[in-house]
Amino acid sequence: QVVQDLIQRTGLPPQTIQAILPTLVPLALKFLQGGAHT
């Protein structure tokens, strides 16, 4: 669903989207982890 949604919204080829998802998902989680207590 993510790949199809991003193809539709960005026009990027599916290979590019599939190549960047493994970077974007952990980054999103890293951003959220900032609120965790040390």
PDB file of all heavy atoms in Angstrom:
ATOM      1  N   GLN A   1       0.835  -1.206   0.000  1.00  0.00           N
ATOM      2  CA  GLN A   1       0.000   0.000   0.000  1.00  0.00           C
ATOM      3  C   GLN A   1       0.868   1.254   0.000  1.00  0.00           C
ATOM      4  O   GLN A   1       0.580   2.211  -0.725  1.00  0.00           O
ATOM      5  CB  GLN A   1      -0.920   0.016   1.226  1.00  0.00           C
ATOM      6  CG  GLN A   1      -1.994  -1.035   1.201  1.00  0.00           C
ATOM      7  CD  GLN A   1      -2.748  -1.121   2.534  1.00  0.00           C
ATOM      8  OE1 GLN A   1      -2.303  -0.618   3.554  1.00  0.00           O
ATOM      9  NE2 GLN A   1      -3.897  -1.779   2.499  1.00  0.00           N
ATOM     10  N   VAL A   2       1.941   1.247   0.796  1.00  0.00           N
ATOM     11  CA  VAL A   2       2.850   2.399   0.855  1.00  0.00           C
ATOM     12  C   VAL A   2       3.473   2.641  -0.511  1.00  0.00           C
ATOM     13  O   VAL A   2       3.493   3.768  -1.003  1.00  0.00           O
ATOM     14  CB  VAL A   2       3.958   2.178   1.914  1.00  0.00           C
ATOM     15  CG1 VAL A   2       5.010   3.274   1.841  1.00  0.00           C
ATOM     16  CG2 VAL A   2       3.375   2.094   3.306  1.00  0.00           C
ATOM     17  N   VAL A   3       3.987   1.578  -1.117  1.00  0.00           N
ATOM     18  CA  VAL A   3       4.646   1.710  -2.423  1.00  0.00           C
ATOM     19  C   VAL A   3       3.663   2.268  -3.454  1.00  0.00           C
ATOM     20  O   VAL A   3       3.980   3.221  -4.174  1.00  0.00           O
ATOM     21  CB  VAL A   3       5.244   0.365  -2.885  1.00  0.00           C
ATOM     22  CG1 VAL A   3       5.709   0.430  -4.333  1.00  0.00           C
ATOM     23  CG2 VAL A   3       6.396  -0.046  -1.960  1.00  0.00           C
ATOM     24  N   GLN A   4       2.465   1.697  -3.517  1.00  0.00           N
ATOM     25  CA  GLN A   4       1.469   2.171  -4.482  1.00  0.00           C
ATOM     26  C   GLN A   4       1.075   3.624  -4.216  1.00  0.00           C
ATOM     27  O   GLN A   4       0.951   4.427  -5.139  1.00  0.00           O
ATOM     28  CB  GLN A   4       0.229   1.267  -4.471  1.00  0.00           C
ATOM     29  CG  GLN A   4       0.472  -0.123  -5.003  1.00  0.00           C
ATOM     30  CD  GLN A   4       1.075  -0.115  -6.398  1.00  0.00           C
ATOM     31  OE1 GLN A   4       0.618   0.580  -7.289  1.00  0.00           O
ATOM     32  NE2 GLN A   4       2.136  -0.897  -6.583  1.00  0.00           N
ATOM     33  N   ASP A   5       0.879   3.963  -2.952  1.00  0.00           N
ATOM     34  CA  ASP A   5       0.517   5.326  -2.569  1.00  0.00           C
ATOM     35  C   ASP A   5       1.624   6.300  -2.988  1.00  0.00           C
ATOM     36  O   ASP A   5       1.357   7.368  -3.557  1.00  0.00           O
ATOM     37  CB  ASP A   5       0.279   5.377  -1.057  1.00  0.00           C
ATOM     38  CG  ASP A   5      -0.464   6.624  -0.603  1.00  0.00           C
ATOM     39  OD1 ASP A   5      -0.776   7.499  -1.433  1.00  0.00           O
ATOM     40  OD2 ASP A   5      -0.728   6.721   0.616  1.00  0.00           O
ATOM     41  N   LEU A   6       2.876   5.936  -2.730  1.00  0.00           N
ATOM     42  CA  LEU A   6       3.994   6.819  -3.062  1.00  0.00           C
ATOM     43  C   LEU A   6       4.209   6.939  -4.574  1.00  0.00           C
ATOM     44  O   LEU A   6       4.566   8.007  -5.059  1.00  0.00           O
ATOM     45  CB  LEU A   6       5.269   6.351  -2.362  1.00  0.00           C
ATOM     46  CG  LEU A   6       5.283   6.602  -0.858  1.00  0.00           C
ATOM     47  CD1 LEU A   6       6.492   5.936  -0.210  1.00  0.00           C
ATOM     48  CD2 LEU A   6       5.265   8.089  -0.556  1.00  0.00           C
ATOM     49  N   ILE A   7       4.001   5.859  -5.300  1.00  0.00           N
ATOM     50  CA  ILE A   7       4.090   5.929  -6.764  1.00  0.00           C
ATOM     51  C   ILE A   7       3.078   6.949  -7.264  1.00  0.00           C
ATOM     52  O   ILE A   7       3.395   7.816  -8.082  1.00  0.00           O
ATOM     53  CB  ILE A   7       3.844   4.548  -7.410  1.00  0.00           C
ATOM     54  CG1 ILE A   7       5.004   3.607  -7.136  1.00  0.00           C
ATOM     55  CG2 ILE A   7       3.602   4.686  -8.919  1.00  0.00           C
ATOM     56  CD1 ILE A   7       4.721   2.154  -7.509  1.00  0.00           C
ATOM     57  N   GLN A   8       1.860   6.842  -6.753  1.00  0.00           N
ATOM     58  CA  GLN A   8       0.782   7.732  -7.178  1.00  0.00           C
ATOM     59  C   GLN A   8       1.065   9.191  -6.799  1.00  0.00           C
ATOM     60  O   GLN A   8       0.843  10.096  -7.583  1.00  0.00           O
ATOM     61  CB  GLN A   8      -0.521   7.252  -6.556  1.00  0.00           C
ATOM     62  CG  GLN A   8      -1.760   7.804  -7.196  1.00  0.00           C
ATOM     63  CD  GLN A   8      -2.994   7.078  -6.665  1.00  0.00           C
ATOM     64  OE1 GLN A   8      -3.084   6.778  -5.473  1.00  0.00           O
ATOM     65  NE2 GLN A   8      -3.933   6.800  -7.543  1.00  0.00           N
ATOM     66  N   ARG A   9       1.567   9.415  -5.594  1.00  0.00           N
ATOM     67  CA  ARG A   9       1.768  10.791  -5.114  1.00  0.00           C
ATOM     68  C   ARG A   9       3.044  11.452  -5.615  1.00  0.00           C
ATOM     69  O   ARG A   9       3.110  12.674  -5.690  1.00  0.00           O
ATOM     70  CB  ARG A   9       1.770  10.824  -3.589  1.00  0.00           C
ATOM     71  CG  ARG A   9       0.421  10.511  -2.994  1.00  0.00           C
ATOM     72  CD  ARG A   9       0.497  10.652  -1.500  1.00  0.00           C
ATOM     73  NE  ARG A   9      -0.663  10.096  -0.850  1.00  0.00           N
ATOM     74  CZ  ARG A   9      -1.221  10.630   0.224  1.00  0.00           C
ATOM     75  NH1 ARG A   9      -0.726  11.726   0.749  1.00  0.00           N
ATOM     76  NH2 ARG A   9      -2.256  10.063   0.772  1.00  0.00           N
ATOM     77  N   THR A  10       4.080  10.642  -5.899  1.00  0.00           N
ATOM     78  CA  THR A  10       5.371  11.245  -6.256  1.00  0.00           C
ATOM     79  C   THR A  10       5.789  11.002  -7.701  1.00  0.00           C
ATOM     80  O   THR A  10       6.628  11.732  -8.214  1.00  0.00           O
ATOM     81  CB  THR A  10       6.497  10.698  -5.355  1.00  0.00           C
ATOM     82  OG1 THR A  10       6.681   9.299  -5.630  1.00  0.00           O
ATOM     83  CG2 THR A  10       6.200  10.946  -3.885  1.00  0.00           C
ATOM     84  N   GLY A  11       5.266   9.952  -8.309  1.00  0.00           N
ATOM     85  CA  GLY A  11       5.694   9.606  -9.658  1.00  0.00           C
ATOM     86  C   GLY A  11       7.037   8.896  -9.694  1.00  0.00           C
ATOM     87  O   GLY A  11       7.562   8.609 -10.763  1.00  0.00           O
ATOM     88  N   LEU A  12       7.611   8.612  -8.528  1.00  0.00           N
ATOM     89  CA  LEU A  12       8.881   7.894  -8.488  1.00  0.00           C
ATOM     90  C   LEU A  12       8.673   6.439  -8.896  1.00  0.00           C
ATOM     91  O   LEU A  12       7.618   5.871  -8.646  1.00  0.00           O
ATOM     92  CB  LEU A  12       9.481   7.940  -7.079  1.00  0.00           C
ATOM     93  CG  LEU A  12       9.963   9.303  -6.583  1.00  0.00           C
ATOM     94  CD1 LEU A  12      10.369   9.215  -5.114  1.00  0.00           C
ATOM     95  CD2 LEU A  12      11.122   9.806  -7.422  1.00  0.00           C
ATOM     96  N   PRO A  13       9.690   5.839  -9.499  1.00  0.00           N
ATOM     97  CA  PRO A  13       9.566   4.422  -9.871  1.00  0.00           C
ATOM     98  C   PRO A  13       9.520   3.531  -8.627  1.00  0.00           C
ATOM     99  O   PRO A  13      10.114   3.861  -7.590  1.00  0.00           O
ATOM    100  CB  PRO A  13      10.825   4.141 -10.695  1.00  0.00           C
ATOM    101  CG  PRO A  13      11.741   5.284 -10.478  1.00  0.00           C
ATOM    102  CD  PRO A  13      10.961   6.424  -9.929  1.00  0.00           C
ATOM    103  N   PRO A  14       8.836   2.386  -8.722  1.00  0.00           N
ATOM    104  CA  PRO A  14       8.710   1.495  -7.567  1.00  0.00           C
ATOM    105  C   PRO A  14      10.062   1.048  -7.010  1.00  0.00           C
ATOM    106  O   PRO A  14      10.207   0.896  -5.801  1.00  0.00           O
ATOM    107  CB  PRO A  14       7.899   0.307  -8.081  1.00  0.00           C
ATOM    108  CG  PRO A  14       7.686   0.517  -9.522  1.00  0.00           C
ATOM    109  CD  PRO A  14       8.139   1.883  -9.890  1.00  0.00           C
ATOM    110  N   GLN A  15      11.065   0.873  -7.877  1.00  0.00           N
ATOM    111  CA  GLN A  15      12.381   0.438  -7.404  1.00  0.00           C
ATOM    112  C   GLN A  15      12.990   1.477  -6.467  1.00  0.00           C
ATOM    113  O   GLN A  15      13.615   1.126  -5.465  1.00  0.00           O
ATOM    114  CB  GLN A  15      13.346   0.198  -8.578  1.00  0.00           C
ATOM    115  CG  GLN A  15      12.869  -0.822  -9.572  1.00  0.00           C
ATOM    116  CD  GLN A  15      12.010  -0.197 -10.684  1.00  0.00           C
ATOM    117  OE1 GLN A  15      11.308   0.785 -10.491  1.00  0.00           O
ATOM    118  NE2 GLN A  15      12.050  -0.817 -11.852  1.00  0.00           N
ATOM    119  N   THR A  16      12.816   2.740  -6.786  1.00  0.00           N
ATOM    120  CA  THR A  16      13.358   3.810  -5.938  1.00  0.00           C
ATOM    121  C   THR A  16      12.650   3.816  -4.594  1.00  0.00           C
ATOM    122  O   THR A  16      13.286   3.910  -3.540  1.00  0.00           O
ATOM    123  CB  THR A  16      13.207   5.183  -6.627  1.00  0.00           C
ATOM    124  OG1 THR A  16      13.911   5.151  -7.874  1.00  0.00           O
ATOM    125  CG2 THR A  16      13.739   6.308  -5.758  1.00  0.00           C
ATOM    126  N   ILE A  17      11.348   3.702  -4.636  1.00  0.00           N
ATOM    127  CA  ILE A  17      10.570   3.711  -3.391  1.00  0.00           C
ATOM    128  C   ILE A  17      10.951   2.517  -2.511  1.00  0.00           C
ATOM    129  O   ILE A  17      11.182   2.669  -1.312  1.00  0.00           O
ATOM    130  CB  ILE A  17       9.062   3.742  -3.701  1.00  0.00           C
ATOM    131  CG1 ILE A  17       8.719   5.094  -4.343  1.00  0.00           C
ATOM    132  CG2 ILE A  17       8.238   3.496  -2.437  1.00  0.00           C
ATOM    133  CD1 ILE A  17       7.355   5.169  -4.961  1.00  0.00           C
ATOM    134  N   GLN A  18      11.044   1.352  -3.126  1.00  0.00           N
ATOM    135  CA  GLN A  18      11.416   0.157  -2.352  1.00  0.00           C
ATOM    136  C   GLN A  18      12.839   0.275  -1.807  1.00  0.00           C
ATOM    137  O   GLN A  18      13.139  -0.254  -0.737  1.00  0.00           O
ATOM    138  CB  GLN A  18      11.242  -1.095  -3.198  1.00  0.00           C
ATOM    139  CG  GLN A  18       9.773  -1.401  -3.433  1.00  0.00           C
ATOM    140  CD  GLN A  18       9.532  -2.485  -4.467  1.00  0.00           C
ATOM    141  OE1 GLN A  18      10.369  -2.725  -5.335  1.00  0.00           O
ATOM    142  NE2 GLN A  18       8.387  -3.139  -4.380  1.00  0.00           N
ATOM    143  N   ALA A  19      13.703   0.998  -2.513  1.00  0.00           N
ATOM    144  CA  ALA A  19      15.082   1.175  -2.052  1.00  0.00           C
ATOM    145  C   ALA A  19      15.172   2.158  -0.882  1.00  0.00           C
ATOM    146  O   ALA A  19      16.063   2.020  -0.037  1.00  0.00           O
ATOM    147  CB  ALA A  19      15.961   1.648  -3.206  1.00  0.00           C
ATOM    148  N   ILE A  20      14.264   3.127  -0.813  1.00  0.00           N
ATOM    149  CA  ILE A  20      14.366   4.135   0.255  1.00  0.00           C
ATOM    150  C   ILE A  20      13.536   3.791   1.492  1.00  0.00           C
ATOM    151  O   ILE A  20      13.804   4.334   2.567  1.00  0.00           O
ATOM    152  CB  ILE A  20      14.017   5.555  -0.256  1.00  0.00           C
ATOM    153  CG1 ILE A  20      12.585   5.628  -0.743  1.00  0.00           C
ATOM    154  CG2 ILE A  20      15.000   6.007  -1.306  1.00  0.00           C
ATOM    155  CD1 ILE A  20      12.134   7.010  -1.157  1.00  0.00           C
ATOM    156  N   LEU A  21      12.567   2.907   1.377  1.00  0.00           N
ATOM    157  CA  LEU A  21      11.763   2.531   2.553  1.00  0.00           C
ATOM    158  C   LEU A  21      12.612   2.008   3.712  1.00  0.00           C
ATOM    159  O   LEU A  21      12.362   2.381   4.866  1.00  0.00           O
ATOM    160  CB  LEU A  21      10.690   1.503   2.181  1.00  0.00           C
ATOM    161  CG  LEU A  21       9.407   2.048   1.579  1.00  0.00           C
ATOM    162  CD1 LEU A  21       8.457   0.904   1.235  1.00  0.00           C
ATOM    163  CD2 LEU A  21       8.732   3.052   2.484  1.00  0.00           C
ATOM    164  N   PRO A  22      13.636   1.176   3.452  1.00  0.00           N
ATOM    165  CA  PRO A  22      14.451   0.706   4.579  1.00  0.00           C
ATOM    166  C   PRO A  22      15.237   1.814   5.285  1.00  0.00           C
ATOM    167  O   PRO A  22      15.763   1.597   6.365  1.00  0.00           O
ATOM    168  CB  PRO A  22      15.403  -0.307   3.939  1.00  0.00           C
ATOM    169  CG  PRO A  22      14.685  -0.776   2.722  1.00  0.00           C
ATOM    170  CD  PRO A  22      13.950   0.444   2.225  1.00  0.00           C
ATOM    171  N   THR A  23      15.316   2.988   4.682  1.00  0.00           N
ATOM    172  CA  THR A  23      15.933   4.137   5.351  1.00  0.00           C
ATOM    173  C   THR A  23      14.870   4.980   6.041  1.00  0.00           C
ATOM    174  O   THR A  23      15.058   5.410   7.185  1.00  0.00           O
ATOM    175  CB  THR A  23      16.716   4.999   4.331  1.00  0.00           C
ATOM    176  OG1 THR A  23      17.744   4.194   3.747  1.00  0.00           O
ATOM    177  CG2 THR A  23      17.327   6.219   4.996  1.00  0.00           C
ATOM    178  N   LEU A  24      13.747   5.210   5.371  1.00  0.00           N
ATOM    179  CA  LEU A  24      12.727   6.105   5.925  1.00  0.00           C
ATOM    180  C   LEU A  24      12.028   5.548   7.166  1.00  0.00           C
ATOM    181  O   LEU A  24      11.760   6.298   8.102  1.00  0.00           O
ATOM    182  CB  LEU A  24      11.679   6.444   4.855  1.00  0.00           C
ATOM    183  CG  LEU A  24      12.123   7.423   3.780  1.00  0.00           C
ATOM    184  CD1 LEU A  24      11.014   7.610   2.750  1.00  0.00           C
ATOM    185  CD2 LEU A  24      12.522   8.749   4.383  1.00  0.00           C
ATOM    186  N   VAL A  25      11.727   4.267   7.190  1.00  0.00           N
ATOM    187  CA  VAL A  25      11.005   3.698   8.345  1.00  0.00           C
ATOM    188  C   VAL A  25      11.848   3.783   9.623  1.00  0.00           C
ATOM    189  O   VAL A  25      11.373   4.308  10.635  1.00  0.00           O
ATOM    190  CB  VAL A  25      10.505   2.265   8.061  1.00  0.00           C
ATOM    191  CG1 VAL A  25       9.959   1.609   9.324  1.00  0.00           C
ATOM    192  CG2 VAL A  25       9.423   2.291   6.967  1.00  0.00           C
ATOM    193  N   PRO A  26      13.121   3.333   9.617  1.00  0.00           N
ATOM    194  CA  PRO A  26      13.916   3.475  10.849  1.00  0.00           C
ATOM    195  C   PRO A  26      14.136   4.938  11.250  1.00  0.00           C
ATOM    196  O   PRO A  26      14.202   5.255  12.436  1.00  0.00           O
ATOM    197  CB  PRO A  26      15.241   2.800  10.522  1.00  0.00           C
ATOM    198  CG  PRO A  26      15.004   1.976   9.320  1.00  0.00           C
ATOM    199  CD  PRO A  26      13.835   2.574   8.604  1.00  0.00           C
ATOM    200  N   LEU A  27      14.238   5.835  10.256  1.00  0.00           N
ATOM    201  CA  LEU A  27      14.393   7.259  10.577  1.00  0.00           C
ATOM    202  C   LEU A  27      13.155   7.801  11.275  1.00  0.00           C
ATOM    203  O   LEU A  27      13.273   8.586  12.223  1.00  0.00           O
ATOM    204  CB  LEU A  27      14.660   8.071   9.309  1.00  0.00           C
ATOM    205  CG  LEU A  27      16.075   8.057   8.774  1.00  0.00           C
ATOM    206  CD1 LEU A  27      16.146   8.804   7.446  1.00  0.00           C
ATOM    207  CD2 LEU A  27      17.058   8.633   9.769  1.00  0.00           C
ATOM    208  N   ALA A  28      11.988   7.406  10.802  1.00  0.00           N
ATOM    209  CA  ALA A  28      10.754   7.851  11.449  1.00  0.00           C
ATOM    210  C   ALA A  28      10.734   7.374  12.895  1.00  0.00           C
ATOM    211  O   ALA A  28      10.392   8.133  13.815  1.00  0.00           O
ATOM    212  CB  ALA A  28       9.530   7.316  10.691  1.00  0.00           C
ATOM    213  N   LEU A  29      11.150   6.137  13.107  1.00  0.00           N
ATOM    214  CA  LEU A  29      11.173   5.581  14.459  1.00  0.00           C
ATOM    215  C   LEU A  29      12.237   6.267  15.323  1.00  0.00           C
ATOM    216  O   LEU A  29      12.021   6.509  16.506  1.00  0.00           O
ATOM    217  CB  LEU A  29      11.400   4.071  14.410  1.00  0.00           C
ATOM    218  CG  LEU A  29      10.324   3.267  13.679  1.00  0.00           C
ATOM    219  CD1 LEU A  29      10.727   1.805  13.578  1.00  0.00           C
ATOM    220  CD2 LEU A  29       8.965   3.425  14.328  1.00  0.00           C
ATOM    221  N   LYS A  30      13.376   6.607  14.719  1.00  0.00           N
ATOM    222  CA  LYS A  30      14.436   7.308  15.448  1.00  0.00           C
ATOM    223  C   LYS A  30      13.936   8.678  15.910  1.00  0.00           C
ATOM    224  O   LYS A  30      14.212   9.104  17.029  1.00  0.00           O
ATOM    225  CB  LYS A  30      15.678   7.457  14.558  1.00  0.00           C
ATOM    226  CG  LYS A  30      16.860   8.094  15.232  1.00  0.00           C
ATOM    227  CD  LYS A  30      17.460   7.152  16.235  1.00  0.00           C
ATOM    228  CE  LYS A  30      18.760   7.678  16.788  1.00  0.00           C
ATOM    229  NZ  LYS A  30      19.260   6.829  17.874  1.00  0.00           N
ATOM    230  N   PHE A  31      13.204   9.346  15.048  1.00  0.00           N
ATOM    231  CA  PHE A  31      12.621  10.639  15.393  1.00  0.00           C
ATOM    232  C   PHE A  31      11.699  10.485  16.605  1.00  0.00           C
ATOM    233  O   PHE A  31      11.751  11.276  17.538  1.00  0.00           O
ATOM    234  CB  PHE A  31      11.855  11.183  14.176  1.00  0.00           C
ATOM    235  CG  PHE A  31      11.294  12.555  14.362  1.00  0.00           C
ATOM    236  CD1 PHE A  31      12.105  13.675  14.265  1.00  0.00           C
ATOM    237  CD2 PHE A  31       9.946  12.738  14.609  1.00  0.00           C
ATOM    238  CE1 PHE A  31      11.583  14.948  14.427  1.00  0.00           C
ATOM    239  CE2 PHE A  31       9.413  14.003  14.772  1.00  0.00           C
ATOM    240  CZ  PHE A  31      10.238  15.123  14.676  1.00  0.00           C
ATOM    241  N   LEU A  32      10.874   9.446  16.589  1.00  0.00           N
ATOM    242  CA  LEU A  32       9.935   9.202  17.682  1.00  0.00           C
ATOM    243  C   LEU A  32      10.639   8.775  18.962  1.00  0.00           C
ATOM    244  O   LEU A  32      10.173   9.062  20.064  1.00  0.00           O
ATOM    245  CB  LEU A  32       8.926   8.129  17.272  1.00  0.00           C
ATOM    246  CG  LEU A  32       8.056   8.481  16.074  1.00  0.00           C
ATOM    247  CD1 LEU A  32       7.224   7.282  15.658  1.00  0.00           C
ATOM    248  CD2 LEU A  32       7.197   9.686  16.367  1.00  0.00           C
ATOM    249  N   GLN A  33      11.768   8.121  18.833  1.00  0.00           N
ATOM    250  CA  GLN A  33      12.505   7.646  19.997  1.00  0.00           C
ATOM    251  C   GLN A  33      13.067   8.813  20.814  1.00  0.00           C
ATOM    252  O   GLN A  33      13.369   8.653  21.994  1.00  0.00           O
ATOM    253  CB  GLN A  33      13.641   6.725  19.559  1.00  0.00           C
ATOM    254  CG  GLN A  33      14.302   5.996  20.703  1.00  0.00           C
ATOM    255  CD  GLN A  33      15.393   5.060  20.210  1.00  0.00           C
ATOM    256  OE1 GLN A  33      16.068   5.354  19.218  1.00  0.00           O
ATOM    257  NE2 GLN A  33      15.562   3.946  20.882  1.00  0.00           N
ATOM    258  N   GLY A  34      13.164   9.986  20.215  1.00  0.00           N
ATOM    259  CA  GLY A  34      13.710  11.139  20.914  1.00  0.00           C
ATOM    260  C   GLY A  34      12.980  11.492  22.198  1.00  0.00           C
ATOM    261  O   GLY A  34      13.562  12.088  23.103  1.00  0.00           O
ATOM    262  N   GLY A  35      11.730  11.123  22.314  1.00  0.00           N
ATOM    263  CA  GLY A  35      10.981  11.422  23.525  1.00  0.00           C
ATOM    264  C   GLY A  35      11.157  10.401  24.629  1.00  0.00           C
ATOM    265  O   GLY A  35      10.686  10.593  25.750  1.00  0.00           O
ATOM    266  N   ALA A  36      11.846   9.299  24.310  1.00  0.00           N
ATOM    267  CA  ALA A  36      12.048   8.255  25.314  1.00  0.00           C
ATOM    268  C   ALA A  36      12.999   8.747  26.404  1.00  0.00           C
ATOM    269  O   ALA A  36      13.911   9.529  26.151  1.00  0.00           O
ATOM    270  CB  ALA A  36      12.605   6.987  24.662  1.00  0.00           C
ATOM    271  N   HIS A  37      12.786   8.283  27.588  1.00  0.00           N
ATOM    272  CA  HIS A  37      13.638   8.657  28.716  1.00  0.00           C
ATOM    273  C   HIS A  37      14.989   7.961  28.603  1.00  0.00           C
ATOM    274  O   HIS A  37      15.058   6.796  28.215  1.00  0.00           O
ATOM    275  CB  HIS A  37      12.958   8.307  30.040  1.00  0.00           C
ATOM    276  CG  HIS A  37      11.786   9.196  30.321  1.00  0.00           C
ATOM    277  ND1 HIS A  37      11.900  10.370  31.017  1.00  0.00           N
ATOM    278  CD2 HIS A  37      10.482   9.109  29.962  1.00  0.00           C
ATOM    279  CE1 HIS A  37      10.721  10.965  31.084  1.00  0.00           C
ATOM    280  NE2 HIS A  37       9.834  10.218  30.450  1.00  0.00           N
ATOM    281  N   THR A  38      16.037   8.681  28.972  1.00  0.00           N
ATOM    282  CA  THR A  38      17.386   8.128  28.857  1.00  0.00           C
ATOM    283  C   THR A  38      17.625   7.010  29.857  1.00  0.00           C
ATOM    284  O   THR A  38      18.315   6.044  29.546  1.00  0.00           O
ATOM    285  CB  THR A  38      18.446   9.228  29.058  1.00  0.00           C
ATOM    286  OG1 THR A  38      18.192   9.885  30.295  1.00  0.00           O
ATOM    287  CG2 THR A  38      18.431  10.218  27.928  1.00  0.00           C
TER     288      THR A  38
END
